[in-house]
Amino acid sequence: MRLVVVVLLVVALSATPAAAQDPGTGTTTTTLAGLPAPDIIPRPNTDSAPTEAGDRGGALQLGLLGLVAVAIAGGVVVLVRQSRRARADESS
């Protein structure tokens, strides 16, 4: 019974906004002015080489990559050691 009520309520609420709109009045059109082509991600080898440490591909980014890799590797080493110790404690 509840399912029927919920379904009818959803159908009624979803149909109401479509019936309330009148497409004949107040219709406006929008045109886009000359927008530049999307270039969020530059193509490979089209950018300049890094000149400062903070530039893309510079020393700071490479250092951060190394730091993240070392942190992940350290976490894996700790997990492996703990699992080996736990297995050794169980078998003794």
PDB file of N, CA and C in Angstrom:
ATOM      1  N   MET A   1       0.820  -1.186   0.000  1.00  0.00           N
ATOM      2  CA  MET A   1       0.000   0.000   0.000  1.00  0.00           C
ATOM      3  C   MET A   1       0.870   1.259   0.000  1.00  0.00           C
ATOM      4  N   ARG A   2       1.918   1.247   0.843  1.00  0.00           N
ATOM      5  CA  ARG A   2       2.811   2.396   0.898  1.00  0.00           C
ATOM      6  C   ARG A   2       3.527   2.608  -0.428  1.00  0.00           C
ATOM      7  N   LEU A   3       3.896   1.518  -1.075  1.00  0.00           N
ATOM      8  CA  LEU A   3       4.593   1.606  -2.350  1.00  0.00           C
ATOM      9  C   LEU A   3       3.719   2.295  -3.395  1.00  0.00           C
ATOM     10  N   VAL A   4       2.429   1.965  -3.412  1.00  0.00           N
ATOM     11  CA  VAL A   4       1.511   2.572  -4.373  1.00  0.00           C
ATOM     12  C   VAL A   4       1.400   4.072  -4.108  1.00  0.00           C
ATOM     13  N   VAL A   5       1.314   4.451  -2.841  1.00  0.00           N
ATOM     14  CA  VAL A   5       1.203   5.866  -2.482  1.00  0.00           C
ATOM     15  C   VAL A   5       2.467   6.611  -2.880  1.00  0.00           C
ATOM     16  N   VAL A   6       3.634   6.017  -2.623  1.00  0.00           N
ATOM     17  CA  VAL A   6       4.902   6.653  -2.970  1.00  0.00           C
ATOM     18  C   VAL A   6       5.021   6.809  -4.479  1.00  0.00           C
ATOM     19  N   VAL A   7       4.659   5.787  -5.234  1.00  0.00           N
ATOM     20  CA  VAL A   7       4.741   5.855  -6.696  1.00  0.00           C
ATOM     21  C   VAL A   7       3.799   6.936  -7.226  1.00  0.00           C
ATOM     22  N   LEU A   8       2.575   6.986  -6.728  1.00  0.00           N
ATOM     23  CA  LEU A   8       1.628   8.009  -7.173  1.00  0.00           C
ATOM     24  C   LEU A   8       2.114   9.413  -6.811  1.00  0.00           C
ATOM     25  N   LEU A   9       2.717   9.566  -5.639  1.00  0.00           N
ATOM     26  CA  LEU A   9       3.243  10.863  -5.232  1.00  0.00           C
ATOM     27  C   LEU A   9       4.395  11.302  -6.135  1.00  0.00           C
ATOM     28  N   VAL A  10       5.292  10.378  -6.464  1.00  0.00           N
ATOM     29  CA  VAL A  10       6.406  10.698  -7.346  1.00  0.00           C
ATOM     30  C   VAL A  10       5.908  11.071  -8.736  1.00  0.00           C
ATOM     31  N   VAL A  11       4.949  10.327  -9.262  1.00  0.00           N
ATOM     32  CA  VAL A  11       4.401  10.625 -10.586  1.00  0.00           C
ATOM     33  C   VAL A  11       3.713  11.983 -10.580  1.00  0.00           C
ATOM     34  N   ALA A  12       2.970  12.278  -9.539  1.00  0.00           N
ATOM     35  CA  ALA A  12       2.249  13.556  -9.469  1.00  0.00           C
ATOM     36  C   ALA A  12       3.217  14.728  -9.370  1.00  0.00           C
ATOM     37  N   LEU A  13       4.261  14.586  -8.570  1.00  0.00           N
ATOM     38  CA  LEU A  13       5.221  15.678  -8.410  1.00  0.00           C
ATOM     39  C   LEU A  13       6.071  15.884  -9.654  1.00  0.00           C
ATOM     40  N   SER A  14       6.388  14.822 -10.355  1.00  0.00           N
ATOM     41  CA  SER A  14       7.213  14.980 -11.546  1.00  0.00           C
ATOM     42  C   SER A  14       6.403  15.491 -12.737  1.00  0.00           C
ATOM     43  N   ALA A  15       5.117  15.288 -12.760  1.00  0.00           N
ATOM     44  CA  ALA A  15       4.287  15.732 -13.882  1.00  0.00           C
ATOM     45  C   ALA A  15       3.817  17.174 -13.708  1.00  0.00           C
ATOM     46  N   THR A  16       3.790  17.679 -12.510  1.00  0.00           N
ATOM     47  CA  THR A  16       3.262  19.015 -12.241  1.00  0.00           C
ATOM     48  C   THR A  16       4.062  20.124 -12.921  1.00  0.00           C
ATOM     49  N   PRO A  17       5.415  20.184 -12.826  1.00  0.00           N
ATOM     50  CA  PRO A  17       6.130  21.291 -13.469  1.00  0.00           C
ATOM     51  C   PRO A  17       5.979  21.302 -14.986  1.00  0.00           C
ATOM     52  N   ALA A  18       5.886  20.159 -15.623  1.00  0.00           N
ATOM     53  CA  ALA A  18       5.743  20.114 -17.071  1.00  0.00           C
ATOM     54  C   ALA A  18       4.382  20.663 -17.502  1.00  0.00           C
ATOM     55  N   ALA A  19       3.357  20.419 -16.731  1.00  0.00           N
ATOM     56  CA  ALA A  19       2.029  20.900 -17.078  1.00  0.00           C
ATOM     57  C   ALA A  19       1.905  22.397 -16.811  1.00  0.00           C
ATOM     58  N   ALA A  20       2.682  22.945 -15.872  1.00  0.00           N
ATOM     59  CA  ALA A  20       2.564  24.346 -15.504  1.00  0.00           C
ATOM     60  C   ALA A  20       3.260  25.267 -16.487  1.00  0.00           C
ATOM     61  N   GLN A  21       4.172  24.779 -17.281  1.00  0.00           N
ATOM     62  CA  GLN A  21       4.920  25.625 -18.192  1.00  0.00           C
ATOM     63  C   GLN A  21       4.133  25.831 -19.483  1.00  0.00           C
ATOM     64  N   ASP A  22       4.196  27.052 -19.981  1.00  0.00           N
ATOM     65  CA  ASP A  22       3.553  27.388 -21.243  1.00  0.00           C
ATOM     66  C   ASP A  22       4.653  27.839 -22.198  1.00  0.00           C
ATOM     67  N   PRO A  23       5.020  27.013 -23.169  1.00  0.00           N
ATOM     68  CA  PRO A  23       6.138  27.359 -24.037  1.00  0.00           C
ATOM     69  C   PRO A  23       5.848  28.509 -24.992  1.00  0.00           C
ATOM     70  N   GLY A  24       4.607  28.926 -25.151  1.00  0.00           N
ATOM     71  CA  GLY A  24       4.274  29.952 -26.120  1.00  0.00           C
ATOM     72  C   GLY A  24       4.548  31.375 -25.646  1.00  0.00           C
ATOM     73  N   THR A  25       4.636  31.596 -24.346  1.00  0.00           N
ATOM     74  CA  THR A  25       4.808  32.961 -23.850  1.00  0.00           C
ATOM     75  C   THR A  25       6.189  33.129 -23.234  1.00  0.00           C
ATOM     76  N   GLY A  26       6.794  34.264 -23.483  1.00  0.00           N
ATOM     77  CA  GLY A  26       8.061  34.592 -22.856  1.00  0.00           C
ATOM     78  C   GLY A  26       9.238  33.773 -23.339  1.00  0.00           C
ATOM     79  N   THR A  27       9.154  33.232 -24.526  1.00  0.00           N
ATOM     80  CA  THR A  27      10.244  32.411 -25.038  1.00  0.00           C
ATOM     81  C   THR A  27      11.373  33.315 -25.518  1.00  0.00           C
ATOM     82  N   THR A  28      12.584  33.024 -25.065  1.00  0.00           N
ATOM     83  CA  THR A  28      13.745  33.791 -25.496  1.00  0.00           C
ATOM     84  C   THR A  28      14.763  32.832 -26.091  1.00  0.00           C
ATOM     85  N   THR A  29      15.574  33.382 -26.949  1.00  0.00           N
ATOM     86  CA  THR A  29      16.636  32.565 -27.526  1.00  0.00           C
ATOM     87  C   THR A  29      17.976  33.148 -27.105  1.00  0.00           C
ATOM     88  N   THR A  30      18.935  32.286 -26.942  1.00  0.00           N
ATOM     89  CA  THR A  30      20.272  32.701 -26.532  1.00  0.00           C
ATOM     90  C   THR A  30      21.265  32.220 -27.567  1.00  0.00           C
ATOM     91  N   THR A  31      22.117  33.124 -28.004  1.00  0.00           N
ATOM     92  CA  THR A  31      23.166  32.729 -28.924  1.00  0.00           C
ATOM     93  C   THR A  31      24.505  32.982 -28.252  1.00  0.00           C
ATOM     94  N   LEU A  32      25.457  32.134 -28.547  1.00  0.00           N
ATOM     95  CA  LEU A  32      26.783  32.277 -27.970  1.00  0.00           C
ATOM     96  C   LEU A  32      27.643  33.146 -28.874  1.00  0.00           C
ATOM     97  N   ALA A  33      28.271  34.111 -28.275  1.00  0.00           N
ATOM     98  CA  ALA A  33      29.205  34.937 -29.035  1.00  0.00           C
ATOM     99  C   ALA A  33      30.441  34.106 -29.322  1.00  0.00           C
ATOM    100  N   GLY A  34      31.299  34.570 -30.184  1.00  0.00           N
ATOM    101  CA  GLY A  34      32.478  33.824 -30.575  1.00  0.00           C
ATOM    102  C   GLY A  34      33.339  33.423 -29.393  1.00  0.00           C
ATOM    103  N   LEU A  35      33.175  32.209 -28.932  1.00  0.00           N
ATOM    104  CA  LEU A  35      33.962  31.708 -27.818  1.00  0.00           C
ATOM    105  C   LEU A  35      35.227  31.045 -28.353  1.00  0.00           C
ATOM    106  N   PRO A  36      36.317  31.152 -27.606  1.00  0.00           N
ATOM    107  CA  PRO A  36      37.533  30.473 -28.048  1.00  0.00           C
ATOM    108  C   PRO A  36      37.373  28.959 -27.919  1.00  0.00           C
ATOM    109  N   ALA A  37      38.136  28.246 -28.691  1.00  0.00           N
ATOM    110  CA  ALA A  37      38.079  26.788 -28.637  1.00  0.00           C
ATOM    111  C   ALA A  37      38.540  26.316 -27.257  1.00  0.00           C
ATOM    112  N   PRO A  38      37.891  25.293 -26.708  1.00  0.00           N
ATOM    113  CA  PRO A  38      38.292  24.816 -25.377  1.00  0.00           C
ATOM    114  C   PRO A  38      39.725  24.274 -25.402  1.00  0.00           C
ATOM    115  N   ASP A  39      40.559  24.822 -24.546  1.00  0.00           N
ATOM    116  CA  ASP A  39      41.956  24.406 -24.497  1.00  0.00           C
ATOM    117  C   ASP A  39      42.392  24.300 -23.047  1.00  0.00           C
ATOM    118  N   ILE A  40      41.641  23.512 -22.270  1.00  0.00           N
ATOM    119  CA  ILE A  40      41.944  23.368 -20.854  1.00  0.00           C
ATOM    120  C   ILE A  40      43.209  22.545 -20.673  1.00  0.00           C
ATOM    121  N   ILE A  41      43.322  21.474 -21.408  1.00  0.00           N
ATOM    122  CA  ILE A  41      44.491  20.607 -21.317  1.00  0.00           C
ATOM    123  C   ILE A  41      45.342  20.847 -22.553  1.00  0.00           C
ATOM    124  N   PRO A  42      46.537  21.389 -22.367  1.00  0.00           N
ATOM    125  CA  PRO A  42      47.370  21.658 -23.540  1.00  0.00           C
ATOM    126  C   PRO A  42      47.867  20.366 -24.182  1.00  0.00           C
ATOM    127  N   ARG A  43      48.097  20.424 -25.458  1.00  0.00           N
ATOM    128  CA  ARG A  43      48.624  19.269 -26.184  1.00  0.00           C
ATOM    129  C   ARG A  43      50.071  19.022 -25.767  1.00  0.00           C
ATOM    130  N   PRO A  44      50.517  17.784 -25.858  1.00  0.00           N
ATOM    131  CA  PRO A  44      51.888  17.479 -25.472  1.00  0.00           C
ATOM    132  C   PRO A  44      52.904  18.265 -26.308  1.00  0.00           C
ATOM    133  N   ASN A  45      53.964  18.686 -25.666  1.00  0.00           N
ATOM    134  CA  ASN A  45      55.086  19.390 -26.280  1.00  0.00           C
ATOM    135  C   ASN A  45      54.695  20.726 -26.906  1.00  0.00           C
ATOM    136  N   THR A  46      53.595  21.346 -26.454  1.00  0.00           N
ATOM    137  CA  THR A  46      53.233  22.663 -26.955  1.00  0.00           C
ATOM    138  C   THR A  46      53.529  23.746 -25.920  1.00  0.00           C
ATOM    139  N   ASP A  47      53.863  23.351 -24.716  1.00  0.00           N
ATOM    140  CA  ASP A  47      54.142  24.293 -23.651  1.00  0.00           C
ATOM    141  C   ASP A  47      55.644  24.534 -23.557  1.00  0.00           C
ATOM    142  N   SER A  48      56.023  25.548 -22.827  1.00  0.00           N
ATOM    143  CA  SER A  48      57.450  25.837 -22.670  1.00  0.00           C
ATOM    144  C   SER A  48      58.034  24.996 -21.533  1.00  0.00           C
ATOM    145  N   ALA A  49      59.316  24.832 -21.534  1.00  0.00           N
ATOM    146  CA  ALA A  49      60.009  24.079 -20.491  1.00  0.00           C
ATOM    147  C   ALA A  49      59.919  24.856 -19.178  1.00  0.00           C
ATOM    148  N   PRO A  50      59.925  24.159 -18.040  1.00  0.00           N
ATOM    149  CA  PRO A  50      59.837  24.860 -16.764  1.00  0.00           C
ATOM    150  C   PRO A  50      61.062  25.746 -16.531  1.00  0.00           C
ATOM    151  N   THR A  51      60.820  26.981 -16.093  1.00  0.00           N
ATOM    152  CA  THR A  51      61.919  27.901 -15.804  1.00  0.00           C
ATOM    153  C   THR A  51      62.082  28.137 -14.316  1.00  0.00           C
ATOM    154  N   GLU A  52      61.025  27.901 -13.529  1.00  0.00           N
ATOM    155  CA  GLU A  52      61.079  28.055 -12.084  1.00  0.00           C
ATOM    156  C   GLU A  52      60.666  26.747 -11.437  1.00  0.00           C
ATOM    157  N   ALA A  53      60.953  26.605 -10.153  1.00  0.00           N
ATOM    158  CA  ALA A  53      60.662  25.358  -9.444  1.00  0.00           C
ATOM    159  C   ALA A  53      59.161  25.064  -9.381  1.00  0.00           C
ATOM    160  N   GLY A  54      58.341  26.107  -9.344  1.00  0.00           N
ATOM    161  CA  GLY A  54      56.900  25.902  -9.226  1.00  0.00           C
ATOM    162  C   GLY A  54      56.185  25.712 -10.544  1.00  0.00           C
ATOM    163  N   ASP A  55      56.877  25.814 -11.666  1.00  0.00           N
ATOM    164  CA  ASP A  55      56.246  25.628 -12.963  1.00  0.00           C
ATOM    165  C   ASP A  55      55.843  24.168 -13.160  1.00  0.00           C
ATOM    166  N   ARG A  56      54.942  23.960 -14.139  1.00  0.00           N
ATOM    167  CA  ARG A  56      54.519  22.605 -14.465  1.00  0.00           C
ATOM    168  C   ARG A  56      55.737  21.788 -14.899  1.00  0.00           C
ATOM    169  N   GLY A  57      55.951  20.651 -14.217  1.00  0.00           N
ATOM    170  CA  GLY A  57      57.096  19.810 -14.519  1.00  0.00           C
ATOM    171  C   GLY A  57      58.372  20.275 -13.849  1.00  0.00           C
ATOM    172  N   GLY A  58      58.270  21.259 -12.965  1.00  0.00           N
ATOM    173  CA  GLY A  58      59.435  21.793 -12.281  1.00  0.00           C
ATOM    174  C   GLY A  58      59.854  20.937 -11.100  1.00  0.00           C
ATOM    175  N   ALA A  59      60.870  21.391 -10.392  1.00  0.00           N
ATOM    176  CA  ALA A  59      61.456  20.632  -9.296  1.00  0.00           C
ATOM    177  C   ALA A  59      60.474  20.406  -8.151  1.00  0.00           C
ATOM    178  N   LEU A  60      59.611  21.380  -7.847  1.00  0.00           N
ATOM    179  CA  LEU A  60      58.660  21.198  -6.754  1.00  0.00           C
ATOM    180  C   LEU A  60      57.647  20.103  -7.065  1.00  0.00           C
ATOM    181  N   GLN A  61      57.170  20.064  -8.286  1.00  0.00           N
ATOM    182  CA  GLN A  61      56.215  19.007  -8.645  1.00  0.00           C
ATOM    183  C   GLN A  61      56.884  17.642  -8.622  1.00  0.00           C
ATOM    184  N   LEU A  62      58.089  17.570  -9.132  1.00  0.00           N
ATOM    185  CA  LEU A  62      58.789  16.290  -9.123  1.00  0.00           C
ATOM    186  C   LEU A  62      59.129  15.860  -7.695  1.00  0.00           C
ATOM    187  N   GLY A  63      59.487  16.823  -6.852  1.00  0.00           N
ATOM    188  CA  GLY A  63      59.754  16.510  -5.451  1.00  0.00           C
ATOM    189  C   GLY A  63      58.515  16.011  -4.735  1.00  0.00           C
ATOM    190  N   LEU A  64      57.375  16.632  -5.018  1.00  0.00           N
ATOM    191  CA  LEU A  64      56.117  16.189  -4.411  1.00  0.00           C
ATOM    192  C   LEU A  64      55.758  14.785  -4.881  1.00  0.00           C
ATOM    193  N   LEU A  65      55.969  14.502  -6.155  1.00  0.00           N
ATOM    194  CA  LEU A  65      55.718  13.156  -6.671  1.00  0.00           C
ATOM    195  C   LEU A  65      56.588  12.139  -5.944  1.00  0.00           C
ATOM    196  N   GLY A  66      57.863  12.475  -5.750  1.00  0.00           N
ATOM    197  CA  GLY A  66      58.763  11.575  -5.028  1.00  0.00           C
ATOM    198  C   GLY A  66      58.323  11.377  -3.589  1.00  0.00           C
ATOM    199  N   LEU A  67      57.890  12.453  -2.931  1.00  0.00           N
ATOM    200  CA  LEU A  67      57.429  12.362  -1.545  1.00  0.00           C
ATOM    201  C   LEU A  67      56.198  11.469  -1.430  1.00  0.00           C
ATOM    202  N   VAL A  68      55.267  11.609  -2.334  1.00  0.00           N
ATOM    203  CA  VAL A  68      54.066  10.766  -2.319  1.00  0.00           C
ATOM    204  C   VAL A  68      54.436   9.306  -2.565  1.00  0.00           C
ATOM    205  N   ALA A  69      55.340   9.055  -3.498  1.00  0.00           N
ATOM    206  CA  ALA A  69      55.759   7.677  -3.780  1.00  0.00           C
ATOM    207  C   ALA A  69      56.443   7.056  -2.561  1.00  0.00           C
ATOM    208  N   VAL A  70      57.300   7.822  -1.884  1.00  0.00           N
ATOM    209  CA  VAL A  70      57.980   7.309  -0.690  1.00  0.00           C
ATOM    210  C   VAL A  70      56.974   7.043   0.427  1.00  0.00           C
ATOM    211  N   ALA A  71      55.995   7.922   0.601  1.00  0.00           N
ATOM    212  CA  ALA A  71      54.986   7.725   1.644  1.00  0.00           C
ATOM    213  C   ALA A  71      54.151   6.471   1.383  1.00  0.00           C
ATOM    214  N   ILE A  72      53.773   6.255   0.141  1.00  0.00           N
ATOM    215  CA  ILE A  72      52.987   5.058  -0.185  1.00  0.00           C
ATOM    216  C   ILE A  72      53.829   3.799   0.007  1.00  0.00           C
ATOM    217  N   ALA A  73      55.076   3.842  -0.441  1.00  0.00           N
ATOM    218  CA  ALA A  73      55.962   2.686  -0.266  1.00  0.00           C
ATOM    219  C   ALA A  73      56.197   2.410   1.215  1.00  0.00           C
ATOM    220  N   GLY A  74      56.357   3.450   2.019  1.00  0.00           N
ATOM    221  CA  GLY A  74      56.527   3.263   3.461  1.00  0.00           C
ATOM    222  C   GLY A  74      55.309   2.626   4.088  1.00  0.00           C
ATOM    223  N   GLY A  75      54.132   3.052   3.685  1.00  0.00           N
ATOM    224  CA  GLY A  75      52.904   2.447   4.201  1.00  0.00           C
ATOM    225  C   GLY A  75      52.797   0.976   3.844  1.00  0.00           C
ATOM    226  N   VAL A  76      53.191   0.628   2.627  1.00  0.00           N
ATOM    227  CA  VAL A  76      53.158  -0.779   2.206  1.00  0.00           C
ATOM    228  C   VAL A  76      54.138  -1.594   3.034  1.00  0.00           C
ATOM    229  N   VAL A  77      55.321  -1.056   3.285  1.00  0.00           N
ATOM    230  CA  VAL A  77      56.323  -1.769   4.084  1.00  0.00           C
ATOM    231  C   VAL A  77      55.810  -2.013   5.497  1.00  0.00           C
ATOM    232  N   VAL A  78      55.187  -1.008   6.108  1.00  0.00           N
ATOM    233  CA  VAL A  78      54.646  -1.159   7.457  1.00  0.00           C
ATOM    234  C   VAL A  78      53.551  -2.215   7.478  1.00  0.00           C
ATOM    235  N   LEU A  79      52.676  -2.220   6.496  1.00  0.00           N
ATOM    236  CA  LEU A  79      51.603  -3.219   6.452  1.00  0.00           C
ATOM    237  C   LEU A  79      52.148  -4.624   6.280  1.00  0.00           C
ATOM    238  N   VAL A  80      53.157  -4.786   5.445  1.00  0.00           N
ATOM    239  CA  VAL A  80      53.741  -6.115   5.237  1.00  0.00           C
ATOM    240  C   VAL A  80      54.386  -6.598   6.524  1.00  0.00           C
ATOM    241  N   ARG A  81      55.128  -5.726   7.225  1.00  0.00           N
ATOM    242  CA  ARG A  81      55.760  -6.125   8.490  1.00  0.00           C
ATOM    243  C   ARG A  81      54.719  -6.524   9.529  1.00  0.00           C
ATOM    244  N   GLN A  82      53.655  -5.737   9.636  1.00  0.00           N
ATOM    245  CA  GLN A  82      52.626  -6.056  10.619  1.00  0.00           C
ATOM    246  C   GLN A  82      51.930  -7.370  10.302  1.00  0.00           C
ATOM    247  N   SER A  83      51.672  -7.627   9.033  1.00  0.00           N
ATOM    248  CA  SER A  83      51.006  -8.884   8.691  1.00  0.00           C
ATOM    249  C   SER A  83      51.920 -10.072   8.942  1.00  0.00           C
ATOM    250  N   ARG A  84      53.232  -9.924   8.697  1.00  0.00           N
ATOM    251  CA  ARG A  84      54.167 -11.017   8.982  1.00  0.00           C
ATOM    252  C   ARG A  84      54.264 -11.280  10.481  1.00  0.00           C
ATOM    253  N   ARG A  85      54.291 -10.214  11.277  1.00  0.00           N
ATOM    254  CA  ARG A  85      54.343 -10.387  12.736  1.00  0.00           C
ATOM    255  C   ARG A  85      53.071 -11.048  13.252  1.00  0.00           C
ATOM    256  N   ALA A  86      51.930 -10.660  12.687  1.00  0.00           N
ATOM    257  CA  ALA A  86      50.655 -11.251  13.126  1.00  0.00           C
ATOM    258  C   ALA A  86      50.604 -12.730  12.776  1.00  0.00           C
ATOM    259  N   ARG A  87      51.092 -13.083  11.602  1.00  0.00           N
ATOM    260  CA  ARG A  87      51.120 -14.503  11.207  1.00  0.00           C
ATOM    261  C   ARG A  87      52.094 -15.287  12.071  1.00  0.00           C
ATOM    262  N   ALA A  88      53.227 -14.694  12.409  1.00  0.00           N
ATOM    263  CA  ALA A  88      54.201 -15.378  13.258  1.00  0.00           C
ATOM    264  C   ALA A  88      53.646 -15.580  14.667  1.00  0.00           C
ATOM    265  N   ASP A  89      52.917 -14.613  15.192  1.00  0.00           N
ATOM    266  CA  ASP A  89      52.314 -14.737  16.530  1.00  0.00           C
ATOM    267  C   ASP A  89      51.234 -15.810  16.550  1.00  0.00           C
ATOM    268  N   GLU A  90      50.484 -15.963  15.459  1.00  0.00           N
ATOM    269  CA  GLU A  90      49.430 -16.966  15.389  1.00  0.00           C
ATOM    270  C   GLU A  90      50.019 -18.376  15.349  1.00  0.00           C
ATOM    271  N   SER A  91      51.113 -18.551  14.637  1.00  0.00           N
ATOM    272  CA  SER A  91      51.688 -19.882  14.490  1.00  0.00           C
ATOM    273  C   SER A  91      52.459 -20.311  15.730  1.00  0.00           C
ATOM    274  N   SER A  92      52.881 -19.394  16.606  1.00  0.00           N
ATOM    275  CA  SER A  92      53.635 -19.789  17.795  1.00  0.00           C
ATOM    276  C   SER A  92      52.757 -20.171  18.943  1.00  0.00           C
TER     277      SER A  92
END
